[in-house]
Amino acid sequence: MKIEDNIDTFNSLVKRRGFIWGPSPEIYGGFAGFYTYGPAGSALKNKILSLFRKELSYFGFLEVECPTIMPEIVWEASGHLERFIDYITRCTKCKLLYRADRILKELLPDMMIDGLSKEELNKLIKTKNLKCPNCDSLLGEIEEYNLMLKTNVGDNNVAYLRPETATSTYLLFNRLDNYARKQYPIKVFQYGKAHRNEISPRQGVIRMRAFDQLELQLFIGKEQEMTLEEYFDVKSEKLPFLDWKTQIKNINKPNIISLEEAINSGVIQKPAFAYSLYISYFLTKRFGYEDELIRLRQHSPAERAHYADDAWDLEIETRQYGWIEICGIHDRTDYDLRRHQEFSKQNFEIVLDTSSNKKEIPQILEIAFGIDRILYTLLESCFDVKEERINLKLKPFLAPYSVAVFPLIKNKKEIRDLAKEVQKKLLNNRIASFYDEAGSIGKRYRRQDELGTPFCITIDYESLEDQSITIRYRDSMEQERIKINKITDIISKKLI
């Protein structure tokens, strides 16, 4: 059967090879917005997180972990109860619910929809006579829909599941200030679950009701935003910027310019924020995306959140869903700490300039990654079909399994025993290894190519005589003969 290089083949692979299953629970028909990661998907996610933690340690970030449920006052203070809403429209006949901006983008692909007000969205629906894709009836008036998931804790104490990890990090400010001995900027990140009551979740793990976030926060002084030392170390680095003024000209190709050029031209106002954009881009590139698939898209003033001084999305281009945001970079000013100071009656003012003893509430710069979106876009960008062969070209250090071990003939006890010995040697050195003796060597290679396994080792008759094995490289399919006692060193060096 001919293998087609298309989205159906990719979607089949993702389920068949145990990356993503769902909607879950599948045996009961599935619950929209909830997905399960199989063994390969879980392994890949853990490799992604491991890389993040390694690199963030290099950049000087500290990790915290906070509860996922918080009392109502937290979300009142943060503004989520008042403002964490989506605009929706219902079909006047079948009553199907749509998120307004998404359905309008789908029905009016040539119009700029982002940032339109409730009134402007309503006007478009009426003047364009927009109809429900499901039953071809007219769409109704725009309504407001709060995305928070409400619950009760203990004796009917109202609480909410967090819709993001960031707010729970802000609540730690006084503790972090003491821990860091008032040395700024304070760099901290948190990984964990967030929950949103999405209206009609679609696009698989791109938009879920329970999802994973990894959010970075820089607590920084207002003057320090203009003088941050780390910026000057990277100011010559070039990034693909698509500013909002370029977008309104219907130009979607980013400009490749340095951070310094972006500052000097006014595309970016603050060096510390430019440094935050650099961190987001650097971390994304570490996963192996091709340059042409990445862009940094600026929010227009109308699209920007009310508290934001600047906001950008780091987007990856996909075949199935177009440009997908995997990271948001936001200049949140002092909004969050000011609000929580007001509601908690705690004092968040600090002195950064000891010569003047002037007090201020720190600014917050945020870098928010969606781990599920990274996992999906990474799988799609690495998916490759050539000459009837599916190959998942993940970076070797990200592959669910680093090595697969095959005995050439499983019925030959000496070959099988030696293959088991090699497998144990790899595992003893903590190299993720998979043992497979089922089917022909060709079929075993194909199974591992589909999982993204970068190296396959075969033990044969010759191995019994000279203690050597054949290592086969996934992308080139080239084979090399090496001694068994050198396997772990060779593989370890290739996994860096």
Protein backbone atom coordinates (compact mmCIF):
# COMPACT_ATOMS: atom_id res chain seq x y z
CA MET A 1 0.00 0.00 0.00
CA LYS A 2 1.35 3.42 -0.95
CA ILE A 3 2.12 5.67 2.03
CA GLU A 4 0.95 9.23 1.38
CA ASP A 5 2.79 12.21 2.85
CA ASN A 6 -0.31 13.91 4.25
CA ILE A 7 -2.04 14.93 7.45
CA ASP A 8 -4.14 11.75 7.63
CA THR A 9 -0.96 9.67 7.62
CA PHE A 10 0.51 11.90 10.33
CA ASN A 11 -2.60 11.77 12.53
CA SER A 12 -2.66 8.00 12.21
CA LEU A 13 1.00 7.77 13.22
CA VAL A 14 0.47 9.93 16.32
CA LYS A 15 -2.19 7.53 17.61
CA ARG A 16 -0.71 4.29 16.31
CA ARG A 17 2.71 4.85 17.85
CA GLY A 18 1.41 5.94 21.24
CA PHE A 19 2.06 9.67 21.20
CA ILE A 20 -1.45 11.09 21.70
CA TRP A 21 -4.73 9.26 22.34
CA GLY A 22 -8.21 10.68 22.65
CA PRO A 23 -10.39 12.55 23.23
CA SER A 24 -10.36 10.71 26.55
CA PRO A 25 -11.80 8.50 27.89
CA GLU A 26 -12.01 6.82 24.50
CA ILE A 27 -13.97 3.76 25.69
CA TYR A 28 -16.84 6.09 26.70
CA GLY A 29 -16.84 8.09 23.48
CA GLY A 30 -14.43 10.80 24.60
CA PHE A 31 -14.83 14.09 26.46
CA ALA A 32 -13.96 17.10 24.27
CA GLY A 33 -10.83 18.96 25.30
CA PHE A 34 -9.16 16.12 27.22
CA TYR A 35 -6.36 13.96 25.79
CA THR A 36 -4.01 11.22 26.99
CA TYR A 37 -0.32 10.92 26.23
CA GLY A 38 0.72 7.34 25.50
CA PRO A 39 4.16 5.93 26.36
CA ALA A 40 5.90 7.65 23.43
CA GLY A 41 4.13 10.95 24.03
CA SER A 42 4.89 10.91 27.75
CA ALA A 43 8.54 10.13 27.05
CA LEU A 44 8.75 12.99 24.53
CA LYS A 45 7.08 15.42 26.93
CA ASN A 46 9.53 14.51 29.67
CA LYS A 47 12.46 15.06 27.29
CA ILE A 48 11.02 18.49 26.40
CA LEU A 49 10.73 19.41 30.08
CA SER A 50 14.21 18.10 30.80
CA LEU A 51 15.66 20.36 28.10
CA PHE A 52 13.72 23.35 29.42
CA ARG A 53 14.99 22.80 32.96
CA LYS A 54 18.57 22.39 31.77
CA GLU A 55 18.52 25.57 29.67
CA LEU A 56 16.60 27.67 32.21
CA SER A 57 19.19 26.80 34.84
CA TYR A 58 21.79 28.27 32.46
CA PHE A 59 19.74 31.49 32.19
CA GLY A 60 19.51 31.72 36.00
CA PHE A 61 15.85 30.80 36.51
CA LEU A 62 14.60 29.16 39.71
CA GLU A 63 11.69 26.70 39.72
CA VAL A 64 8.62 26.79 41.97
CA GLU A 65 5.49 24.64 42.18
CA CYS A 66 2.15 25.99 43.39
CA PRO A 67 -1.38 24.61 44.03
CA THR A 68 -3.70 24.34 41.03
CA ILE A 69 -6.77 25.46 43.03
CA MET A 70 -6.96 28.94 44.54
CA PRO A 71 -9.68 30.80 46.51
CA GLU A 72 -12.05 33.18 44.77
CA ILE A 73 -10.32 36.34 46.06
CA VAL A 74 -7.16 35.48 44.09
CA TRP A 75 -9.05 35.54 40.80
CA GLU A 76 -11.00 38.63 41.77
CA ALA A 77 -7.70 40.41 42.44
CA SER A 78 -6.08 39.15 39.23
CA GLY A 79 -9.04 40.34 37.14
CA HIS A 80 -9.87 36.88 35.82
CA LEU A 81 -13.42 36.84 37.18
CA GLU A 82 -14.14 40.11 35.44
CA ARG A 83 -12.08 39.85 32.27
CA PHE A 84 -11.19 36.21 31.54
CA ILE A 85 -13.93 35.85 28.97
CA ASP A 86 -14.39 34.87 25.36
CA TYR A 87 -17.02 36.24 23.03
CA ILE A 88 -19.30 33.54 21.71
CA THR A 89 -22.11 33.25 19.18
CA ARG A 90 -24.83 30.60 19.01
CA CYS A 91 -26.57 29.29 15.95
CA THR A 92 -30.15 30.58 16.00
CA LYS A 93 -31.45 27.16 14.93
CA CYS A 94 -29.24 24.24 16.03
CA LYS A 95 -27.85 26.22 19.05
CA LEU A 96 -24.27 25.11 18.35
CA LEU A 97 -21.81 27.31 20.21
CA TYR A 98 -18.83 29.01 18.52
CA ARG A 99 -16.05 31.23 19.79
CA ALA A 100 -16.77 34.42 17.88
CA ASP A 101 -13.28 35.37 16.74
CA ARG A 102 -12.52 31.87 15.48
CA ILE A 103 -15.71 31.36 13.52
CA LEU A 104 -15.37 34.85 11.99
CA LYS A 105 -11.77 34.12 10.95
CA GLU A 106 -13.03 30.93 9.33
CA LEU A 107 -15.92 32.63 7.53
CA LEU A 108 -14.05 35.87 6.70
CA PRO A 109 -10.45 34.75 6.09
CA ASP A 110 -9.39 38.00 4.41
CA MET A 111 -10.43 40.26 7.30
CA MET A 112 -8.47 41.27 10.41
CA ILE A 113 -10.55 39.91 13.29
CA ASP A 114 -8.09 40.00 16.21
CA GLY A 115 -8.80 42.77 18.70
CA LEU A 116 -12.33 43.61 17.51
CA SER A 117 -14.78 44.68 20.21
CA LYS A 118 -18.04 42.94 21.07
CA GLU A 119 -19.97 45.59 19.13
CA GLU A 120 -17.70 45.29 16.06
CA LEU A 121 -18.05 41.48 16.03
CA ASN A 122 -21.84 41.81 16.28
CA LYS A 123 -21.89 44.26 13.39
CA LEU A 124 -19.90 41.90 11.17
CA ILE A 125 -22.24 38.98 11.89
CA LYS A 126 -25.27 41.08 10.95
CA THR A 127 -23.93 42.96 7.94
CA LYS A 128 -22.34 39.86 6.41
CA ASN A 129 -25.32 37.61 7.25
CA LEU A 130 -22.93 35.01 8.65
CA LYS A 131 -24.34 31.50 8.94
CA CYS A 132 -23.66 28.41 11.03
CA PRO A 133 -21.37 25.95 9.19
CA ASN A 134 -23.35 23.08 10.73
CA CYS A 135 -26.89 23.90 9.56
CA ASP A 136 -26.59 27.05 7.42
CA SER A 137 -28.79 29.12 9.74
CA LEU A 138 -27.96 32.65 10.89
CA LEU A 139 -25.56 33.17 13.79
CA GLY A 140 -26.92 34.96 16.85
CA GLU A 141 -25.90 37.91 19.04
CA ILE A 142 -22.46 37.95 20.66
CA GLU A 143 -22.46 36.80 24.30
CA GLU A 144 -19.78 36.81 27.02
CA TYR A 145 -18.49 33.46 28.31
CA ASN A 146 -16.20 33.15 31.37
CA LEU A 147 -13.53 30.46 30.95
CA MET A 148 -12.89 29.84 34.65
CA LEU A 149 -13.69 26.41 36.12
CA LYS A 150 -15.41 26.81 39.48
CA THR A 151 -15.38 24.36 42.38
CA ASN A 152 -16.02 24.17 46.13
CA VAL A 153 -13.41 23.34 48.75
CA GLY A 154 -14.23 22.16 52.27
CA ASP A 155 -17.38 23.71 53.73
CA ASN A 156 -18.57 25.38 50.52
CA ASN A 157 -15.58 27.68 50.11
CA VAL A 158 -15.71 28.94 46.53
CA ALA A 159 -12.51 28.32 44.58
CA TYR A 160 -11.36 28.08 40.97
CA LEU A 161 -8.98 25.86 39.07
CA ARG A 162 -6.19 28.06 37.79
CA PRO A 163 -6.50 29.02 34.11
CA GLU A 164 -2.71 29.66 33.98
CA THR A 165 0.29 29.02 36.21
CA ALA A 166 1.46 32.64 36.28
CA THR A 167 -0.90 34.07 38.92
CA SER A 168 0.10 31.47 41.50
CA THR A 169 3.73 32.52 40.96
CA TYR A 170 2.95 36.20 41.59
CA LEU A 171 1.48 35.34 44.99
CA LEU A 172 4.96 34.23 46.08
CA PHE A 173 6.53 37.63 45.54
CA ASN A 174 7.46 38.42 49.18
CA ARG A 175 8.92 34.94 49.64
CA LEU A 176 10.91 35.21 46.41
CA ASP A 177 12.13 38.68 47.34
CA ASN A 178 13.58 37.33 50.60
CA TYR A 179 14.93 34.14 48.99
CA ALA A 180 16.76 36.10 46.28
CA ARG A 181 18.09 38.55 48.92
CA LYS A 182 16.52 41.41 46.99
CA GLN A 183 18.83 40.87 44.00
CA TYR A 184 16.98 41.84 40.82
CA PRO A 185 15.85 40.77 38.34
CA ILE A 186 14.37 37.73 40.09
CA LYS A 187 13.96 34.98 37.50
CA VAL A 188 11.53 32.18 38.26
CA PHE A 189 9.52 29.61 36.32
CA GLN A 190 6.74 27.15 37.02
CA TYR A 191 5.52 24.07 35.16
CA GLY A 192 2.10 22.58 35.78
CA LYS A 193 -1.53 22.03 34.82
CA ALA A 194 -3.94 24.80 33.92
CA HIS A 195 -7.67 24.49 33.22
CA ARG A 196 -10.00 26.47 31.01
CA ASN A 197 -13.64 25.83 30.24
CA GLU A 198 -13.16 26.13 26.49
CA ILE A 199 -16.36 26.71 24.54
CA SER A 200 -15.89 24.16 21.80
CA PRO A 201 -12.37 22.75 21.97
CA ARG A 202 -11.07 21.59 18.61
CA GLN A 203 -7.67 21.06 17.02
CA GLY A 204 -6.69 18.20 19.35
CA VAL A 205 -4.05 19.10 21.94
CA ILE A 206 -3.70 22.60 20.48
CA ARG A 207 -6.73 23.71 22.48
CA MET A 208 -7.66 21.67 25.54
CA ARG A 209 -9.56 22.14 28.77
CA ALA A 210 -6.72 20.71 30.85
CA PHE A 211 -3.25 21.50 29.55
CA ASP A 212 0.38 21.98 30.56
CA GLN A 213 2.11 25.33 30.82
CA LEU A 214 5.66 26.36 31.55
CA GLU A 215 5.74 30.05 32.42
CA LEU A 216 8.76 32.23 33.13
CA GLN A 217 8.56 35.45 35.13
CA LEU A 218 11.13 38.22 35.49
CA PHE A 219 10.48 40.56 38.42
CA ILE A 220 12.42 43.68 37.50
CA GLY A 221 12.72 47.39 38.31
CA LYS A 222 11.38 49.99 35.90
CA GLU A 223 14.78 51.62 35.29
CA GLN A 224 16.46 48.20 35.16
CA GLU A 225 14.29 47.34 32.16
CA MET A 226 16.36 49.87 30.18
CA THR A 227 19.79 48.82 31.47
CA LEU A 228 19.61 45.02 31.85
CA GLU A 229 23.14 43.66 31.34
CA GLU A 230 22.02 40.40 29.72
CA TYR A 231 20.48 42.33 26.82
CA PHE A 232 23.84 43.76 25.78
CA ASP A 233 25.27 40.22 25.57
CA VAL A 234 22.68 39.20 22.94
CA LYS A 235 21.71 42.48 21.23
CA SER A 236 23.28 41.42 17.91
CA GLU A 237 21.20 38.22 17.72
CA LYS A 238 18.71 38.23 14.82
CA LEU A 239 15.08 37.17 15.24
CA PRO A 240 12.10 36.93 12.84
CA PHE A 241 9.92 39.90 13.89
CA LEU A 242 6.44 40.54 12.50
CA ASP A 243 5.35 43.80 14.13
CA TRP A 244 1.73 44.91 14.24
CA LYS A 245 2.22 47.80 11.79
CA THR A 246 3.48 45.36 9.18
CA GLN A 247 0.51 43.05 9.78
CA ILE A 248 -2.10 45.72 9.07
CA LYS A 249 -0.54 46.02 5.59
CA ASN A 250 -1.50 42.32 5.10
CA ILE A 251 2.17 41.32 5.14
CA ASN A 252 2.77 38.07 7.00
CA LYS A 253 6.47 37.56 6.31
CA PRO A 254 8.66 38.51 9.28
CA ASN A 255 11.66 40.82 9.11
CA ILE A 256 14.91 39.18 10.20
CA ILE A 257 16.60 41.90 12.26
CA SER A 258 18.78 42.08 15.36
CA LEU A 259 17.44 42.94 18.79
CA GLU A 260 19.43 46.17 18.65
CA GLU A 261 17.84 47.11 15.31
CA ALA A 262 14.40 46.36 16.78
CA ILE A 263 15.14 48.68 19.72
CA ASN A 264 16.60 51.46 17.56
CA SER A 265 13.66 51.35 15.12
CA GLY A 266 11.08 51.42 17.89
CA VAL A 267 9.66 47.96 17.17
CA ILE A 268 10.62 47.11 20.77
CA GLN A 269 10.79 49.74 23.48
CA LYS A 270 12.69 48.09 26.33
CA PRO A 271 15.97 46.14 26.28
CA ALA A 272 14.77 43.79 29.07
CA PHE A 273 11.71 42.89 26.99
CA ALA A 274 13.95 42.34 23.96
CA TYR A 275 15.98 39.94 26.11
CA SER A 276 12.76 38.09 27.02
CA LEU A 277 11.95 37.70 23.32
CA TYR A 278 15.45 36.34 22.77
CA ILE A 279 15.04 33.73 25.54
CA SER A 280 11.76 32.51 24.02
CA TYR A 281 13.34 32.22 20.57
CA PHE A 282 16.54 30.57 21.82
CA LEU A 283 14.62 27.92 23.78
CA THR A 284 12.34 27.21 20.82
CA LYS A 285 15.27 26.78 18.44
CA ARG A 286 16.83 24.22 20.80
CA PHE A 287 14.00 21.84 19.89
CA GLY A 288 15.09 21.75 16.26
CA TYR A 289 12.42 23.73 14.38
CA GLU A 290 13.47 24.97 10.95
CA ASP A 291 13.94 28.75 10.71
CA GLU A 292 11.16 29.26 8.17
CA LEU A 293 8.59 27.72 10.53
CA ILE A 294 9.15 30.28 13.31
CA ARG A 295 8.02 33.87 13.67
CA LEU A 296 7.44 36.38 16.48
CA ARG A 297 4.13 38.17 15.90
CA GLN A 298 3.33 41.36 17.79
CA HIS A 299 -0.15 42.07 19.15
CA SER A 300 -1.76 45.26 17.89
CA PRO A 301 -2.80 47.80 20.56
CA ALA A 302 -6.41 46.66 20.10
CA GLU A 303 -5.49 42.98 20.50
CA ARG A 304 -3.28 43.55 23.53
CA ALA A 305 -4.54 42.79 27.05
CA HIS A 306 -5.55 45.87 29.04
CA TYR A 307 -2.55 45.58 31.39
CA ALA A 308 0.10 44.86 28.74
CA ASP A 309 2.66 47.42 27.61
CA ASP A 310 3.71 45.07 24.81
CA ALA A 311 2.84 41.51 23.76
CA TRP A 312 4.17 39.05 21.18
CA ASP A 313 3.33 35.48 20.20
CA LEU A 314 6.02 33.05 19.13
CA GLU A 315 4.31 31.02 16.42
CA ILE A 316 5.09 27.81 14.53
CA GLU A 317 3.65 27.18 11.08
CA THR A 318 1.83 23.86 10.80
CA ARG A 319 0.35 22.04 7.83
CA GLN A 320 -2.85 21.15 9.66
CA TYR A 321 -3.70 24.36 11.54
CA GLY A 322 -1.60 27.14 10.02
CA TRP A 323 0.35 29.42 12.39
CA ILE A 324 0.03 28.23 15.99
CA GLU A 325 1.12 30.18 19.06
CA ILE A 326 3.37 28.05 21.29
CA CYS A 327 4.61 30.89 23.48
CA GLY A 328 3.35 34.30 24.58
CA ILE A 329 5.77 37.03 25.70
CA HIS A 330 4.13 39.84 27.66
CA ASP A 331 5.22 43.05 29.36
CA ARG A 332 2.71 42.99 32.22
CA THR A 333 4.00 46.22 33.86
CA ASP A 334 3.28 46.31 37.63
CA TYR A 335 -0.38 45.38 37.13
CA ASP A 336 -0.35 41.98 38.84
CA LEU A 337 1.60 42.92 41.96
CA ARG A 338 -0.32 46.18 42.31
CA ARG A 339 -3.65 44.33 42.22
CA HIS A 340 -2.56 41.65 44.69
CA GLN A 341 -1.10 44.30 47.00
CA GLU A 342 -4.46 46.04 47.00
CA PHE A 343 -6.54 42.91 47.70
CA SER A 344 -4.16 41.14 50.10
CA LYS A 345 -3.14 44.29 52.03
CA GLN A 346 0.50 43.16 51.73
CA ASN A 347 3.25 45.60 50.86
CA PHE A 348 5.02 44.72 47.60
CA GLU A 349 7.05 47.92 47.35
CA ILE A 350 10.82 47.53 47.27
CA VAL A 351 13.89 49.76 47.06
CA LEU A 352 16.05 49.05 44.02
CA ASP A 353 18.06 52.28 44.01
CA THR A 354 19.66 52.55 47.45
CA SER A 355 21.10 55.99 46.62
CA SER A 356 17.62 57.50 46.42
CA ASN A 357 15.71 54.98 48.58
CA LYS A 358 12.83 55.38 46.15
CA LYS A 359 10.24 52.62 46.52
CA GLU A 360 8.50 50.90 43.63
CA ILE A 361 6.40 47.88 42.79
CA PRO A 362 8.41 45.65 40.40
CA GLN A 363 7.45 45.17 36.77
CA ILE A 364 6.79 41.67 35.46
CA LEU A 365 8.00 40.29 32.13
CA GLU A 366 6.40 36.97 31.25
CA ILE A 367 7.32 34.16 28.84
CA ALA A 368 4.52 31.57 28.70
CA PHE A 369 5.05 28.27 26.84
CA GLY A 370 2.31 25.77 26.04
CA ILE A 371 3.96 22.36 26.39
CA ASP A 372 1.20 20.47 24.55
CA ARG A 373 1.50 22.82 21.60
CA ILE A 374 5.26 22.37 21.51
CA LEU A 375 4.83 18.61 21.48
CA TYR A 376 2.28 18.69 18.65
CA THR A 377 4.14 21.20 16.44
CA LEU A 378 7.41 19.36 17.02
CA LEU A 379 5.91 16.05 15.90
CA GLU A 380 4.36 17.61 12.80
CA SER A 381 7.51 19.53 11.81
CA CYS A 382 9.65 16.38 12.18
CA PHE A 383 7.26 14.12 10.27
CA ASP A 384 8.70 13.02 6.92
CA VAL A 385 7.64 10.52 4.26
CA LYS A 386 9.97 9.47 1.45
CA GLU A 387 9.88 6.40 -0.75
CA GLU A 388 7.24 4.63 1.33
CA ARG A 389 9.20 5.29 4.53
CA ILE A 390 7.85 7.30 7.46
CA ASN A 391 10.61 9.00 9.42
CA LEU A 392 10.18 11.13 12.54
CA LYS A 393 13.26 13.36 12.49
CA LEU A 394 13.34 14.34 16.15
CA LYS A 395 16.59 15.59 17.61
CA PRO A 396 18.33 12.50 19.06
CA PHE A 397 18.15 13.82 22.62
CA LEU A 398 14.36 14.25 22.31
CA ALA A 399 13.44 10.85 20.85
CA PRO A 400 11.31 8.66 23.17
CA TYR A 401 13.91 5.91 22.75
CA SER A 402 17.55 6.70 22.04
CA VAL A 403 18.42 3.21 20.80
CA ALA A 404 16.67 0.05 19.66
CA VAL A 405 18.41 -3.33 19.98
CA PHE A 406 17.66 -6.20 17.58
CA PRO A 407 18.92 -9.79 17.56
CA LEU A 408 19.21 -10.75 13.89
CA ILE A 409 17.68 -14.17 14.60
CA LYS A 410 15.69 -14.58 17.82
CA ASN A 411 15.77 -18.39 17.68
CA LYS A 412 19.56 -18.44 17.93
CA LYS A 413 20.14 -18.48 21.70
CA GLU A 414 23.70 -17.10 21.58
CA ILE A 415 22.65 -14.12 19.43
CA ARG A 416 19.58 -13.45 21.59
CA ASP A 417 21.61 -13.63 24.81
CA LEU A 418 24.23 -11.22 23.47
CA ALA A 419 21.49 -8.80 22.33
CA LYS A 420 19.99 -8.90 25.83
CA GLU A 421 23.43 -8.24 27.26
CA VAL A 422 23.88 -5.19 25.00
CA GLN A 423 20.40 -3.95 25.97
CA LYS A 424 21.27 -4.27 29.66
CA LYS A 425 24.57 -2.42 29.13
CA LEU A 426 22.71 0.52 27.58
CA LEU A 427 20.09 0.59 30.32
CA ASN A 428 22.76 0.39 33.04
CA ASN A 429 24.21 3.56 31.54
CA ARG A 430 20.74 5.15 31.63
CA ILE A 431 20.38 5.25 27.86
CA ALA A 432 16.71 4.84 26.92
CA SER A 433 16.69 1.60 24.93
CA PHE A 434 14.02 -0.57 23.33
CA TYR A 435 14.44 -4.30 22.68
CA ASP A 436 12.60 -5.81 19.70
CA GLU A 437 12.87 -9.29 18.24
CA ALA A 438 9.50 -9.50 16.43
CA GLY A 439 9.35 -9.49 12.61
CA SER A 440 11.96 -8.95 9.95
CA ILE A 441 14.84 -6.52 10.45
CA GLY A 442 13.29 -4.22 7.84
CA LYS A 443 9.98 -4.04 9.69
CA ARG A 444 11.77 -3.43 12.98
CA TYR A 445 13.71 -0.56 11.43
CA ARG A 446 10.46 0.95 10.12
CA ARG A 447 8.78 0.77 13.52
CA GLN A 448 11.67 2.65 15.12
CA ASP A 449 11.81 5.23 12.31
CA GLU A 450 8.17 6.02 13.06
CA LEU A 451 9.02 6.54 16.74
CA GLY A 452 11.96 8.76 15.90
CA THR A 453 14.57 6.39 17.37
CA PRO A 454 17.90 7.76 16.06
CA PHE A 455 20.02 4.59 16.40
CA CYS A 456 19.30 0.90 15.83
CA ILE A 457 21.76 -1.82 16.85
CA THR A 458 21.76 -5.29 15.30
CA ILE A 459 23.52 -8.33 16.79
CA ASP A 460 24.37 -11.05 14.27
CA TYR A 461 26.56 -14.14 13.83
CA GLU A 462 29.66 -12.01 13.34
CA SER A 463 28.98 -10.35 16.69
CA LEU A 464 29.57 -13.70 18.41
CA GLU A 465 33.03 -13.91 16.88
CA ASP A 466 34.43 -10.36 17.17
CA GLN A 467 32.17 -8.67 19.80
CA SER A 468 31.07 -6.03 17.31
CA ILE A 469 27.61 -4.84 16.29
CA THR A 470 26.01 -2.94 13.40
CA ILE A 471 24.66 0.49 14.25
CA ARG A 472 22.21 2.00 11.77
CA TYR A 473 21.50 5.75 11.67
CA ARG A 474 17.88 6.80 11.27
CA ASP A 475 18.12 9.78 8.90
CA SER A 476 20.85 8.61 6.54
CA MET A 477 20.12 4.85 6.94
CA GLU A 478 23.89 4.36 6.84
CA GLN A 479 25.34 1.47 8.83
CA GLU A 480 28.57 1.22 10.77
CA ARG A 481 30.34 -1.63 12.52
CA ILE A 482 31.56 -0.84 16.05
CA LYS A 483 32.85 -2.78 19.06
CA ILE A 484 30.36 -3.56 21.82
CA ASN A 485 32.60 -2.05 24.50
CA LYS A 486 32.44 1.33 22.72
CA ILE A 487 28.65 1.50 22.29
CA THR A 488 27.75 3.55 25.37
CA ASP A 489 30.44 6.18 24.77
CA ILE A 490 29.54 6.59 21.09
CA ILE A 491 25.77 6.82 21.76
CA SER A 492 26.19 9.18 24.74
CA LYS A 493 28.24 11.63 22.69
CA LYS A 494 25.65 11.63 19.90
CA LEU A 495 22.83 12.42 22.36
CA ILE A 496 24.28 15.75 23.52
